[in-house]
Amino acid sequence: MKRNSICVYHSGILEKITALEKSIGVAKTELDRRLEGMNEFRRQLDKQASEFITKNEVNLRMEKMDLRFNGIEDKLNTLQNEISEKRGSRKWSDWLIMGIIAAIVSIIMLVISTKMGL
């Protein structure tokens, strides 16, 4: 009777070991599938990262843009100065023209008043 119960106990242990081996195989297969998915994700990230612009490239492009903007800024300052100078000279020319017109009007009035004897 002891032998029979040992055989039953032994077969139960064997069944449990077989079930554990089977579940370990399923878990290993699932783990392999997950790891392959993670590796694929890593490959995609590596590919994506390789297409990103590098810091050195960004710095070079920024320096070029700074040079362009500085050139544009210098041109704008030059244009503003020229416009200011023209406005300033135009004010003087406006005053000069008004003075000449006033002088002509004064002369005309003087001529008219002398002819009329006023």
N, C-alpha and C. Protein backbone atom coordinates (compact mmCIF):
# COMPACT_ATOMS: atom_id res chain seq x y z
N MET A 1 0.82 -1.18 0.00
CA MET A 1 0.00 0.00 0.00
C MET A 1 0.86 1.25 0.00
N LYS A 2 1.97 1.16 0.69
CA LYS A 2 2.86 2.29 0.69
C LYS A 2 3.44 2.52 -0.70
N ARG A 3 3.76 1.39 -1.35
CA ARG A 3 4.33 1.50 -2.68
C ARG A 3 3.35 2.14 -3.64
N ASN A 4 2.09 1.78 -3.55
CA ASN A 4 1.05 2.32 -4.41
C ASN A 4 0.87 3.81 -4.16
N SER A 5 0.88 4.21 -2.93
CA SER A 5 0.73 5.63 -2.62
C SER A 5 1.96 6.42 -3.06
N ILE A 6 3.14 5.79 -3.01
CA ILE A 6 4.36 6.45 -3.48
C ILE A 6 4.28 6.63 -5.00
N CYS A 7 3.78 5.64 -5.69
CA CYS A 7 3.64 5.74 -7.15
C CYS A 7 2.65 6.83 -7.52
N VAL A 8 1.57 6.93 -6.79
CA VAL A 8 0.58 7.99 -7.06
C VAL A 8 1.21 9.35 -6.78
N TYR A 9 1.92 9.42 -5.67
CA TYR A 9 2.61 10.67 -5.30
C TYR A 9 3.65 11.03 -6.35
N HIS A 10 4.41 10.04 -6.80
CA HIS A 10 5.45 10.25 -7.82
C HIS A 10 4.83 10.70 -9.14
N SER A 11 3.72 10.06 -9.54
CA SER A 11 3.07 10.46 -10.80
C SER A 11 2.49 11.87 -10.68
N GLY A 12 2.01 12.24 -9.51
CA GLY A 12 1.51 13.62 -9.29
C GLY A 12 2.62 14.64 -9.43
N ILE A 13 3.78 14.27 -8.87
CA ILE A 13 4.94 15.17 -8.99
C ILE A 13 5.36 15.28 -10.44
N LEU A 14 5.38 14.18 -11.17
CA LEU A 14 5.74 14.19 -12.59
C LEU A 14 4.77 15.05 -13.40
N GLU A 15 3.48 14.95 -13.09
CA GLU A 15 2.48 15.76 -13.77
C GLU A 15 2.72 17.25 -13.50
N LYS A 16 3.03 17.58 -12.24
CA LYS A 16 3.29 18.97 -11.89
C LYS A 16 4.55 19.47 -12.59
N ILE A 17 5.59 18.63 -12.64
CA ILE A 17 6.83 19.01 -13.32
C ILE A 17 6.56 19.22 -14.81
N THR A 18 5.78 18.35 -15.41
CA THR A 18 5.44 18.47 -16.83
C THR A 18 4.65 19.76 -17.07
N ALA A 19 3.71 20.04 -16.18
CA ALA A 19 2.91 21.27 -16.32
C ALA A 19 3.80 22.50 -16.15
N LEU A 20 4.72 22.45 -15.20
CA LEU A 20 5.65 23.56 -14.99
C LEU A 20 6.55 23.77 -16.21
N GLU A 21 7.05 22.66 -16.77
CA GLU A 21 7.90 22.76 -17.97
C GLU A 21 7.11 23.36 -19.14
N LYS A 22 5.86 22.96 -19.25
CA LYS A 22 5.01 23.49 -20.32
C LYS A 22 4.76 24.98 -20.11
N SER A 23 4.45 25.39 -18.87
CA SER A 23 4.18 26.80 -18.60
C SER A 23 5.47 27.63 -18.75
N ILE A 24 6.61 27.03 -18.40
CA ILE A 24 7.89 27.72 -18.59
C ILE A 24 8.13 27.91 -20.09
N GLY A 25 7.83 26.90 -20.89
CA GLY A 25 7.97 27.02 -22.35
C GLY A 25 7.08 28.11 -22.91
N VAL A 26 5.83 28.18 -22.45
CA VAL A 26 4.90 29.23 -22.89
C VAL A 26 5.40 30.61 -22.47
N ALA A 27 5.87 30.70 -21.21
CA ALA A 27 6.39 31.98 -20.71
C ALA A 27 7.63 32.40 -21.49
N LYS A 28 8.49 31.43 -21.81
CA LYS A 28 9.70 31.74 -22.60
C LYS A 28 9.32 32.24 -23.99
N THR A 29 8.37 31.58 -24.61
CA THR A 29 7.91 32.01 -25.93
C THR A 29 7.34 33.42 -25.86
N GLU A 30 6.54 33.70 -24.86
CA GLU A 30 5.95 35.04 -24.68
C GLU A 30 7.03 36.08 -24.41
N LEU A 31 8.01 35.73 -23.59
CA LEU A 31 9.11 36.64 -23.29
C LEU A 31 9.93 36.92 -24.56
N ASP A 32 10.18 35.89 -25.36
CA ASP A 32 10.90 36.08 -26.62
C ASP A 32 10.14 37.01 -27.55
N ARG A 33 8.81 36.83 -27.60
CA ARG A 33 7.97 37.70 -28.45
C ARG A 33 8.06 39.15 -27.97
N ARG A 34 7.97 39.36 -26.67
CA ARG A 34 8.07 40.72 -26.10
C ARG A 34 9.44 41.33 -26.37
N LEU A 35 10.48 40.53 -26.16
CA LEU A 35 11.83 41.04 -26.40
C LEU A 35 12.03 41.40 -27.87
N GLU A 36 11.47 40.61 -28.76
CA GLU A 36 11.59 40.93 -30.19
C GLU A 36 10.85 42.25 -30.50
N GLY A 37 9.69 42.44 -29.87
CA GLY A 37 8.97 43.71 -30.03
C GLY A 37 9.78 44.88 -29.50
N MET A 38 10.43 44.68 -28.36
CA MET A 38 11.26 45.75 -27.80
C MET A 38 12.47 46.03 -28.70
N ASN A 39 13.06 44.97 -29.24
CA ASN A 39 14.20 45.15 -30.15
C ASN A 39 13.77 45.90 -31.41
N GLU A 40 12.60 45.58 -31.92
CA GLU A 40 12.08 46.30 -33.10
C GLU A 40 11.87 47.78 -32.76
N PHE A 41 11.33 48.04 -31.60
CA PHE A 41 11.13 49.42 -31.15
C PHE A 41 12.46 50.15 -31.03
N ARG A 42 13.46 49.48 -30.48
CA ARG A 42 14.80 50.08 -30.37
C ARG A 42 15.39 50.38 -31.74
N ARG A 43 15.19 49.45 -32.69
CA ARG A 43 15.71 49.68 -34.05
C ARG A 43 15.04 50.91 -34.66
N GLN A 44 13.73 51.05 -34.45
CA GLN A 44 13.02 52.21 -34.97
C GLN A 44 13.54 53.49 -34.33
N LEU A 45 13.76 53.47 -33.01
CA LEU A 45 14.30 54.65 -32.33
C LEU A 45 15.70 54.99 -32.83
N ASP A 46 16.53 53.97 -33.03
CA ASP A 46 17.88 54.20 -33.55
C ASP A 46 17.83 54.82 -34.94
N LYS A 47 16.94 54.30 -35.78
CA LYS A 47 16.80 54.84 -37.14
C LYS A 47 16.32 56.28 -37.07
N GLN A 48 15.34 56.53 -36.24
CA GLN A 48 14.81 57.89 -36.10
C GLN A 48 15.88 58.83 -35.56
N ALA A 49 16.62 58.40 -34.57
CA ALA A 49 17.67 59.24 -33.98
C ALA A 49 18.77 59.52 -35.00
N SER A 50 19.03 58.58 -35.88
CA SER A 50 20.08 58.81 -36.89
C SER A 50 19.66 59.86 -37.91
N GLU A 51 18.36 60.09 -38.04
CA GLU A 51 17.87 61.09 -38.99
C GLU A 51 17.73 62.47 -38.37
N PHE A 52 17.89 62.58 -37.07
CA PHE A 52 17.81 63.89 -36.41
C PHE A 52 19.02 64.73 -36.77
N ILE A 53 18.83 66.03 -36.74
CA ILE A 53 19.93 66.95 -36.98
C ILE A 53 20.80 66.99 -35.73
N THR A 54 22.12 67.07 -35.94
CA THR A 54 23.03 67.07 -34.80
C THR A 54 23.15 68.47 -34.22
N LYS A 55 23.64 68.54 -33.01
CA LYS A 55 23.82 69.83 -32.33
C LYS A 55 24.80 70.70 -33.10
N ASN A 56 25.86 70.09 -33.63
CA ASN A 56 26.84 70.86 -34.39
C ASN A 56 26.22 71.47 -35.65
N GLU A 57 25.36 70.68 -36.33
CA GLU A 57 24.68 71.19 -37.51
C GLU A 57 23.77 72.36 -37.16
N VAL A 58 23.05 72.21 -36.06
CA VAL A 58 22.16 73.28 -35.61
C VAL A 58 22.97 74.54 -35.31
N ASN A 59 24.08 74.37 -34.61
CA ASN A 59 24.92 75.53 -34.28
C ASN A 59 25.45 76.21 -35.54
N LEU A 60 25.90 75.42 -36.52
CA LEU A 60 26.39 76.00 -37.78
C LEU A 60 25.29 76.77 -38.50
N ARG A 61 24.11 76.18 -38.56
CA ARG A 61 22.99 76.86 -39.23
C ARG A 61 22.58 78.12 -38.48
N MET A 62 22.61 78.07 -37.16
CA MET A 62 22.27 79.26 -36.38
C MET A 62 23.29 80.37 -36.60
N GLU A 63 24.57 80.00 -36.69
CA GLU A 63 25.60 81.01 -36.95
C GLU A 63 25.39 81.65 -38.31
N LYS A 64 25.06 80.84 -39.32
CA LYS A 64 24.79 81.38 -40.66
C LYS A 64 23.60 82.33 -40.63
N MET A 65 22.54 81.92 -39.91
CA MET A 65 21.36 82.77 -39.82
C MET A 65 21.68 84.06 -39.08
N ASP A 66 22.50 83.97 -38.03
CA ASP A 66 22.90 85.18 -37.30
C ASP A 66 23.64 86.14 -38.23
N LEU A 67 24.54 85.59 -39.05
CA LEU A 67 25.27 86.44 -39.99
C LEU A 67 24.32 87.10 -40.98
N ARG A 68 23.36 86.32 -41.48
CA ARG A 68 22.38 86.89 -42.41
C ARG A 68 21.56 87.98 -41.74
N PHE A 69 21.08 87.70 -40.53
CA PHE A 69 20.26 88.68 -39.83
C PHE A 69 21.06 89.93 -39.49
N ASN A 70 22.33 89.74 -39.12
CA ASN A 70 23.17 90.90 -38.84
C ASN A 70 23.34 91.75 -40.10
N GLY A 71 23.52 91.08 -41.25
CA GLY A 71 23.63 91.81 -42.52
C GLY A 71 22.36 92.56 -42.84
N ILE A 72 21.23 91.91 -42.63
CA ILE A 72 19.94 92.55 -42.89
C ILE A 72 19.74 93.72 -41.93
N GLU A 73 20.11 93.51 -40.67
CA GLU A 73 19.96 94.57 -39.67
C GLU A 73 20.84 95.78 -40.04
N ASP A 74 22.06 95.51 -40.50
CA ASP A 74 22.93 96.61 -40.92
C ASP A 74 22.31 97.37 -42.10
N LYS A 75 21.76 96.65 -43.05
CA LYS A 75 21.13 97.29 -44.21
C LYS A 75 19.93 98.14 -43.77
N LEU A 76 19.13 97.59 -42.84
CA LEU A 76 17.98 98.35 -42.35
C LEU A 76 18.43 99.62 -41.62
N ASN A 77 19.47 99.49 -40.82
CA ASN A 77 19.99 100.69 -40.12
C ASN A 77 20.47 101.73 -41.12
N THR A 78 21.16 101.27 -42.17
CA THR A 78 21.63 102.19 -43.21
C THR A 78 20.46 102.88 -43.88
N LEU A 79 19.42 102.10 -44.22
CA LEU A 79 18.23 102.70 -44.86
C LEU A 79 17.54 103.69 -43.92
N GLN A 80 17.44 103.36 -42.66
CA GLN A 80 16.82 104.28 -41.70
C GLN A 80 17.62 105.56 -41.60
N ASN A 81 18.93 105.45 -41.58
CA ASN A 81 19.77 106.65 -41.52
C ASN A 81 19.60 107.50 -42.77
N GLU A 82 19.55 106.86 -43.93
CA GLU A 82 19.36 107.60 -45.17
C GLU A 82 18.01 108.30 -45.19
N ILE A 83 16.98 107.60 -44.72
CA ILE A 83 15.64 108.21 -44.69
C ILE A 83 15.63 109.38 -43.73
N SER A 84 16.27 109.20 -42.57
CA SER A 84 16.32 110.30 -41.59
C SER A 84 17.06 111.50 -42.17
N GLU A 85 18.16 111.24 -42.87
CA GLU A 85 18.92 112.32 -43.47
C GLU A 85 18.10 113.04 -44.53
N LYS A 86 17.36 112.26 -45.34
CA LYS A 86 16.52 112.87 -46.37
C LYS A 86 15.41 113.69 -45.74
N ARG A 87 14.83 113.16 -44.67
CA ARG A 87 13.78 113.92 -43.99
C ARG A 87 14.35 115.21 -43.42
N GLY A 88 15.53 115.11 -42.83
CA GLY A 88 16.16 116.30 -42.27
C GLY A 88 16.49 117.31 -43.36
N SER A 89 17.04 116.84 -44.47
CA SER A 89 17.37 117.77 -45.55
C SER A 89 16.11 118.29 -46.21
N ARG A 90 15.07 117.49 -46.22
CA ARG A 90 13.80 117.94 -46.79
C ARG A 90 13.21 119.04 -45.93
N LYS A 91 13.35 118.91 -44.61
CA LYS A 91 12.85 119.99 -43.73
C LYS A 91 13.56 121.29 -44.04
N TRP A 92 14.87 121.22 -44.21
CA TRP A 92 15.63 122.45 -44.53
C TRP A 92 15.22 122.98 -45.89
N SER A 93 15.02 122.06 -46.84
CA SER A 93 14.61 122.53 -48.17
C SER A 93 13.20 123.11 -48.11
N ASP A 94 12.33 122.52 -47.29
CA ASP A 94 10.98 123.09 -47.13
C ASP A 94 11.06 124.50 -46.55
N TRP A 95 11.90 124.68 -45.54
CA TRP A 95 12.06 126.02 -44.95
C TRP A 95 12.65 126.99 -45.97
N LEU A 96 13.59 126.53 -46.75
CA LEU A 96 14.21 127.36 -47.76
C LEU A 96 13.20 127.77 -48.83
N ILE A 97 12.39 126.81 -49.29
CA ILE A 97 11.37 127.11 -50.29
C ILE A 97 10.34 128.08 -49.73
N MET A 98 9.93 127.86 -48.47
CA MET A 98 8.97 128.80 -47.86
C MET A 98 9.57 130.20 -47.76
N GLY A 99 10.83 130.29 -47.43
CA GLY A 99 11.50 131.61 -47.34
C GLY A 99 11.54 132.29 -48.69
N ILE A 100 11.86 131.51 -49.73
CA ILE A 100 11.91 132.07 -51.08
C ILE A 100 10.53 132.53 -51.51
N ILE A 101 9.51 131.72 -51.25
CA ILE A 101 8.13 132.11 -51.61
C ILE A 101 7.73 133.36 -50.84
N ALA A 102 8.06 133.41 -49.56
CA ALA A 102 7.73 134.61 -48.75
C ALA A 102 8.44 135.83 -49.32
N ALA A 103 9.71 135.66 -49.73
CA ALA A 103 10.45 136.78 -50.31
C ALA A 103 9.82 137.21 -51.62
N ILE A 104 9.42 136.27 -52.45
CA ILE A 104 8.79 136.61 -53.74
C ILE A 104 7.47 137.32 -53.50
N VAL A 105 6.68 136.81 -52.57
CA VAL A 105 5.38 137.45 -52.26
C VAL A 105 5.63 138.86 -51.73
N SER A 106 6.66 139.01 -50.88
CA SER A 106 6.97 140.35 -50.35
C SER A 106 7.38 141.29 -51.48
N ILE A 107 8.18 140.79 -52.40
CA ILE A 107 8.61 141.63 -53.53
C ILE A 107 7.42 141.99 -54.40
N ILE A 108 6.56 141.03 -54.67
CA ILE A 108 5.37 141.31 -55.49
C ILE A 108 4.49 142.34 -54.80
N MET A 109 4.30 142.20 -53.51
CA MET A 109 3.47 143.16 -52.78
C MET A 109 4.14 144.54 -52.78
N LEU A 110 5.45 144.57 -52.67
CA LEU A 110 6.17 145.84 -52.70
C LEU A 110 6.01 146.51 -54.05
N VAL A 111 6.14 145.68 -55.12
CA VAL A 111 5.99 146.24 -56.47
C VAL A 111 4.56 146.73 -56.66
N ILE A 112 3.59 145.97 -56.22
CA ILE A 112 2.19 146.39 -56.39
C ILE A 112 1.92 147.65 -55.56
N SER A 113 2.40 147.71 -54.38
CA SER A 113 2.14 148.87 -53.53
C SER A 113 2.84 150.12 -54.07
N THR A 114 4.01 149.98 -54.68
CA THR A 114 4.69 151.15 -55.24
C THR A 114 4.00 151.61 -56.50
N LYS A 115 3.45 150.70 -57.27
CA LYS A 115 2.73 151.10 -58.47
C LYS A 115 1.42 151.76 -58.12
N MET A 116 0.82 151.38 -57.06
CA MET A 116 -0.45 151.95 -56.69
C MET A 116 -0.24 153.20 -55.85
N GLY A 117 0.95 153.40 -55.45
CA GLY A 117 1.26 154.60 -54.69
C GLY A 117 0.84 154.50 -53.25
N LEU A 118 0.79 153.44 -52.74
CA LEU A 118 0.41 153.29 -51.33
C LEU A 118 1.56 153.58 -50.49
